[in-house]
Amino acid sequence: MARKFMYVYERIYKEANDMQREFVKVPVNGRQTSRADQKRIRKIVEDSSYRVAQECSVIVSYPKVHIAGREVVLGEPLIMLPDCRFVSIEELMKIELG
């Protein structure tokens, strides 16, 4: 049976995958990563959070995002619900699935 909607946690995972595809295009090299590329990475994360906020009415942040070697590690997302509660992605999944 097909659903015609997407849960919020699914949308967050989809956006994280889209961000990883964008990060591949940015030349990352650990501590030698240029300032402009670091800003570009931050801009990608901010734009992604904005899109999720507009579509799903939740604020998503990645407080532990960092560059490790030749890749960008997002870490665990922190989600602020419309009632101003902070939850993890697992808690959000439990809330949505019941």
N, C-alpha and C. Protein backbone atom coordinates (compact mmCIF):
# COMPACT_ATOMS: atom_id res chain seq x y z
N MET A 1 0.84 -1.17 0.00
CA MET A 1 0.00 0.00 0.00
C MET A 1 0.89 1.24 0.00
N ALA A 2 0.68 2.12 -0.92
CA ALA A 2 1.51 3.31 -1.07
C ALA A 2 0.97 4.46 -0.24
N ARG A 3 1.91 5.17 0.38
CA ARG A 3 1.54 6.39 1.11
C ARG A 3 1.69 7.57 0.18
N LYS A 4 0.90 8.59 0.37
CA LYS A 4 1.02 9.79 -0.45
C LYS A 4 1.64 10.92 0.34
N PHE A 5 2.33 10.60 1.42
CA PHE A 5 2.99 11.62 2.23
C PHE A 5 4.32 11.07 2.73
N MET A 6 5.14 11.96 3.25
CA MET A 6 6.45 11.58 3.76
C MET A 6 6.53 12.05 5.21
N TYR A 7 6.95 11.15 6.09
CA TYR A 7 7.15 11.52 7.49
C TYR A 7 8.28 12.53 7.59
N VAL A 8 8.30 13.30 8.66
CA VAL A 8 9.32 14.33 8.87
C VAL A 8 10.70 13.69 8.99
N TYR A 9 10.81 12.59 9.71
CA TYR A 9 12.12 11.97 9.86
C TYR A 9 12.65 11.45 8.52
N GLU A 10 11.74 11.00 7.64
CA GLU A 10 12.15 10.58 6.30
C GLU A 10 12.65 11.77 5.49
N ARG A 11 11.99 12.90 5.65
CA ARG A 11 12.41 14.12 4.94
C ARG A 11 13.78 14.58 5.43
N ILE A 12 14.05 14.45 6.73
CA ILE A 12 15.34 14.83 7.28
C ILE A 12 16.43 13.92 6.75
N TYR A 13 16.17 12.60 6.70
CA TYR A 13 17.15 11.66 6.14
C TYR A 13 17.40 11.95 4.66
N LYS A 14 16.34 12.27 3.92
CA LYS A 14 16.48 12.57 2.49
C LYS A 14 17.34 13.81 2.30
N GLU A 15 17.12 14.82 3.11
CA GLU A 15 17.90 16.04 3.00
C GLU A 15 19.36 15.81 3.39
N ALA A 16 19.61 14.94 4.38
CA ALA A 16 20.98 14.60 4.75
C ALA A 16 21.70 13.90 3.61
N ASN A 17 21.00 13.02 2.91
CA ASN A 17 21.60 12.35 1.74
C ASN A 17 21.90 13.35 0.63
N ASP A 18 20.98 14.31 0.42
CA ASP A 18 21.21 15.34 -0.59
C ASP A 18 22.43 16.19 -0.22
N MET A 19 22.58 16.49 1.06
CA MET A 19 23.75 17.26 1.51
C MET A 19 25.04 16.50 1.25
N GLN A 20 25.04 15.19 1.53
CA GLN A 20 26.24 14.40 1.30
C GLN A 20 26.64 14.41 -0.18
N ARG A 21 25.64 14.39 -1.07
CA ARG A 21 25.94 14.47 -2.50
C ARG A 21 26.54 15.83 -2.85
N GLU A 22 26.09 16.90 -2.19
CA GLU A 22 26.66 18.23 -2.44
C GLU A 22 28.07 18.34 -1.87
N PHE A 23 28.32 17.70 -0.72
CA PHE A 23 29.65 17.77 -0.10
C PHE A 23 30.71 17.12 -0.97
N VAL A 24 30.34 16.12 -1.76
CA VAL A 24 31.30 15.45 -2.63
C VAL A 24 31.87 16.44 -3.66
N LYS A 25 31.08 17.43 -4.04
CA LYS A 25 31.50 18.41 -5.04
C LYS A 25 32.48 19.43 -4.47
N VAL A 26 32.57 19.56 -3.15
CA VAL A 26 33.44 20.54 -2.51
C VAL A 26 34.79 19.88 -2.21
N PRO A 27 35.90 20.51 -2.61
CA PRO A 27 37.21 19.92 -2.33
C PRO A 27 37.56 20.03 -0.85
N VAL A 28 37.51 18.92 -0.14
CA VAL A 28 37.76 18.89 1.30
C VAL A 28 39.07 18.16 1.55
N ASN A 29 39.93 18.75 2.40
CA ASN A 29 41.21 18.12 2.69
C ASN A 29 41.60 18.41 4.14
N GLY A 30 40.81 17.95 5.07
CA GLY A 30 41.13 18.09 6.49
C GLY A 30 41.36 19.53 6.90
N ARG A 31 42.48 19.78 7.61
CA ARG A 31 42.78 21.13 8.07
C ARG A 31 43.19 22.07 6.95
N GLN A 32 43.58 21.53 5.81
CA GLN A 32 43.98 22.37 4.68
C GLN A 32 42.78 22.84 3.84
N THR A 33 41.57 22.53 4.26
CA THR A 33 40.39 22.98 3.55
C THR A 33 40.33 24.51 3.61
N SER A 34 40.13 25.13 2.46
CA SER A 34 40.14 26.59 2.42
C SER A 34 38.95 27.19 3.15
N ARG A 35 39.10 28.43 3.54
CA ARG A 35 38.03 29.15 4.25
C ARG A 35 36.77 29.23 3.39
N ALA A 36 36.94 29.46 2.10
CA ALA A 36 35.79 29.55 1.19
C ALA A 36 35.02 28.24 1.13
N ASP A 37 35.75 27.12 1.10
CA ASP A 37 35.09 25.82 1.08
C ASP A 37 34.38 25.53 2.39
N GLN A 38 34.96 25.96 3.51
CA GLN A 38 34.29 25.78 4.80
C GLN A 38 33.00 26.58 4.84
N LYS A 39 33.03 27.79 4.29
CA LYS A 39 31.82 28.61 4.23
C LYS A 39 30.78 27.97 3.32
N ARG A 40 31.25 27.37 2.22
CA ARG A 40 30.34 26.70 1.29
C ARG A 40 29.65 25.52 1.97
N ILE A 41 30.40 24.78 2.78
CA ILE A 41 29.82 23.65 3.53
C ILE A 41 28.78 24.16 4.51
N ARG A 42 29.11 25.22 5.25
CA ARG A 42 28.15 25.80 6.19
C ARG A 42 26.89 26.27 5.48
N LYS A 43 27.06 26.87 4.30
CA LYS A 43 25.92 27.36 3.52
C LYS A 43 25.03 26.22 3.07
N ILE A 44 25.62 25.09 2.68
CA ILE A 44 24.84 23.92 2.28
C ILE A 44 24.00 23.43 3.45
N VAL A 45 24.59 23.35 4.65
CA VAL A 45 23.86 22.89 5.83
C VAL A 45 22.74 23.87 6.19
N GLU A 46 23.03 25.17 6.14
CA GLU A 46 22.01 26.17 6.45
C GLU A 46 20.85 26.13 5.47
N ASP A 47 21.16 26.01 4.18
CA ASP A 47 20.10 25.95 3.16
C ASP A 47 19.23 24.70 3.34
N SER A 48 19.87 23.60 3.69
CA SER A 48 19.14 22.37 3.92
C SER A 48 18.19 22.51 5.12
N SER A 49 18.70 23.10 6.19
CA SER A 49 17.86 23.31 7.38
C SER A 49 16.69 24.22 7.07
N TYR A 50 16.93 25.23 6.24
CA TYR A 50 15.86 26.15 5.87
C TYR A 50 14.77 25.43 5.07
N ARG A 51 15.18 24.59 4.12
CA ARG A 51 14.19 23.85 3.32
C ARG A 51 13.33 22.94 4.19
N VAL A 52 13.95 22.24 5.12
CA VAL A 52 13.19 21.35 6.01
C VAL A 52 12.26 22.17 6.89
N ALA A 53 12.73 23.31 7.39
CA ALA A 53 11.90 24.16 8.24
C ALA A 53 10.68 24.67 7.48
N GLN A 54 10.86 25.05 6.22
CA GLN A 54 9.75 25.55 5.43
C GLN A 54 8.72 24.46 5.12
N GLU A 55 9.20 23.27 4.84
CA GLU A 55 8.29 22.19 4.45
C GLU A 55 7.64 21.50 5.64
N CYS A 56 8.37 21.33 6.75
CA CYS A 56 7.90 20.47 7.83
C CYS A 56 7.63 21.19 9.15
N SER A 57 7.92 22.47 9.23
CA SER A 57 7.70 23.26 10.45
C SER A 57 8.50 22.75 11.65
N VAL A 58 9.67 22.22 11.40
CA VAL A 58 10.60 21.85 12.47
C VAL A 58 11.97 22.46 12.13
N ILE A 59 12.75 22.76 13.15
CA ILE A 59 14.08 23.30 12.95
C ILE A 59 15.08 22.18 13.18
N VAL A 60 15.94 21.96 12.19
CA VAL A 60 16.94 20.91 12.27
C VAL A 60 18.32 21.55 12.31
N SER A 61 19.13 21.13 13.27
CA SER A 61 20.51 21.61 13.31
C SER A 61 21.44 20.41 13.47
N TYR A 62 22.65 20.62 13.05
CA TYR A 62 23.69 19.60 13.15
C TYR A 62 24.82 20.18 14.00
N PRO A 63 24.71 20.07 15.33
CA PRO A 63 25.70 20.73 16.20
C PRO A 63 27.09 20.12 16.14
N LYS A 64 27.23 18.90 15.66
CA LYS A 64 28.54 18.24 15.64
C LYS A 64 29.08 18.05 14.23
N VAL A 65 28.70 18.93 13.30
CA VAL A 65 29.22 18.82 11.94
C VAL A 65 30.71 19.19 11.95
N HIS A 66 31.51 18.36 11.28
CA HIS A 66 32.95 18.62 11.21
C HIS A 66 33.54 17.94 9.98
N ILE A 67 34.75 18.35 9.66
CA ILE A 67 35.47 17.77 8.53
C ILE A 67 36.44 16.75 9.08
N ALA A 68 36.35 15.53 8.58
CA ALA A 68 37.23 14.44 9.01
C ALA A 68 37.93 13.89 7.77
N GLY A 69 39.18 14.26 7.60
CA GLY A 69 39.91 13.79 6.44
C GLY A 69 39.38 14.40 5.16
N ARG A 70 38.88 13.57 4.28
CA ARG A 70 38.37 14.05 3.00
C ARG A 70 36.84 13.98 2.91
N GLU A 71 36.18 13.96 4.06
CA GLU A 71 34.72 13.93 4.05
C GLU A 71 34.16 14.83 5.14
N VAL A 72 32.92 15.22 4.97
CA VAL A 72 32.20 16.03 5.95
C VAL A 72 31.29 15.11 6.74
N VAL A 73 31.42 15.14 8.07
CA VAL A 73 30.62 14.30 8.95
C VAL A 73 29.55 15.19 9.58
N LEU A 74 28.29 14.86 9.35
CA LEU A 74 27.19 15.67 9.88
C LEU A 74 26.93 15.41 11.36
N GLY A 75 27.05 14.19 11.78
CA GLY A 75 26.71 13.87 13.16
C GLY A 75 25.21 13.70 13.33
N GLU A 76 24.78 13.61 14.55
CA GLU A 76 23.37 13.40 14.88
C GLU A 76 22.60 14.72 14.79
N PRO A 77 21.48 14.76 14.07
CA PRO A 77 20.71 16.00 14.00
C PRO A 77 19.94 16.25 15.30
N LEU A 78 19.80 17.52 15.62
CA LEU A 78 19.00 17.94 16.76
C LEU A 78 17.78 18.66 16.19
N ILE A 79 16.60 18.25 16.62
CA ILE A 79 15.36 18.72 16.00
C ILE A 79 14.53 19.47 17.04
N MET A 80 14.10 20.68 16.67
CA MET A 80 13.21 21.44 17.54
C MET A 80 11.81 21.38 16.95
N LEU A 81 10.89 20.83 17.72
CA LEU A 81 9.50 20.67 17.28
C LEU A 81 8.75 21.99 17.42
N PRO A 82 7.56 22.10 16.82
CA PRO A 82 6.78 23.34 16.92
C PRO A 82 6.41 23.73 18.36
N ASP A 83 6.38 22.75 19.28
CA ASP A 83 6.10 23.09 20.68
C ASP A 83 7.37 23.38 21.47
N CYS A 84 8.47 23.66 20.77
CA CYS A 84 9.77 24.07 21.34
C CYS A 84 10.48 22.98 22.13
N ARG A 85 10.17 21.72 21.86
CA ARG A 85 10.91 20.61 22.47
C ARG A 85 12.04 20.21 21.56
N PHE A 86 13.19 19.87 22.15
CA PHE A 86 14.31 19.34 21.39
C PHE A 86 14.27 17.83 21.48
N VAL A 87 14.34 17.17 20.32
CA VAL A 87 14.32 15.71 20.28
C VAL A 87 15.40 15.22 19.31
N SER A 88 15.76 13.96 19.48
CA SER A 88 16.67 13.33 18.53
C SER A 88 15.84 12.72 17.40
N ILE A 89 16.51 12.22 16.40
CA ILE A 89 15.81 11.63 15.25
C ILE A 89 15.07 10.36 15.66
N GLU A 90 15.64 9.60 16.62
CA GLU A 90 14.96 8.38 17.08
C GLU A 90 13.67 8.72 17.84
N GLU A 91 13.73 9.76 18.67
CA GLU A 91 12.53 10.17 19.40
C GLU A 91 11.45 10.67 18.44
N LEU A 92 11.88 11.41 17.41
CA LEU A 92 10.93 11.90 16.42
C LEU A 92 10.27 10.73 15.69
N MET A 93 11.05 9.70 15.39
CA MET A 93 10.52 8.53 14.72
C MET A 93 9.46 7.84 15.61
N LYS A 94 9.75 7.73 16.91
CA LYS A 94 8.79 7.12 17.83
C LYS A 94 7.51 7.95 17.92
N ILE A 95 7.66 9.28 17.94
CA ILE A 95 6.49 10.16 18.02
C ILE A 95 5.62 9.99 16.78
N GLU A 96 6.25 9.99 15.60
CA GLU A 96 5.47 9.93 14.36
C GLU A 96 4.84 8.55 14.12
N LEU A 97 5.55 7.52 14.47
CA LEU A 97 5.02 6.17 14.22
C LEU A 97 4.08 5.70 15.32
N GLY A 98 4.08 6.40 16.43
CA GLY A 98 3.16 6.06 17.50
C GLY A 98 3.78 5.17 18.48
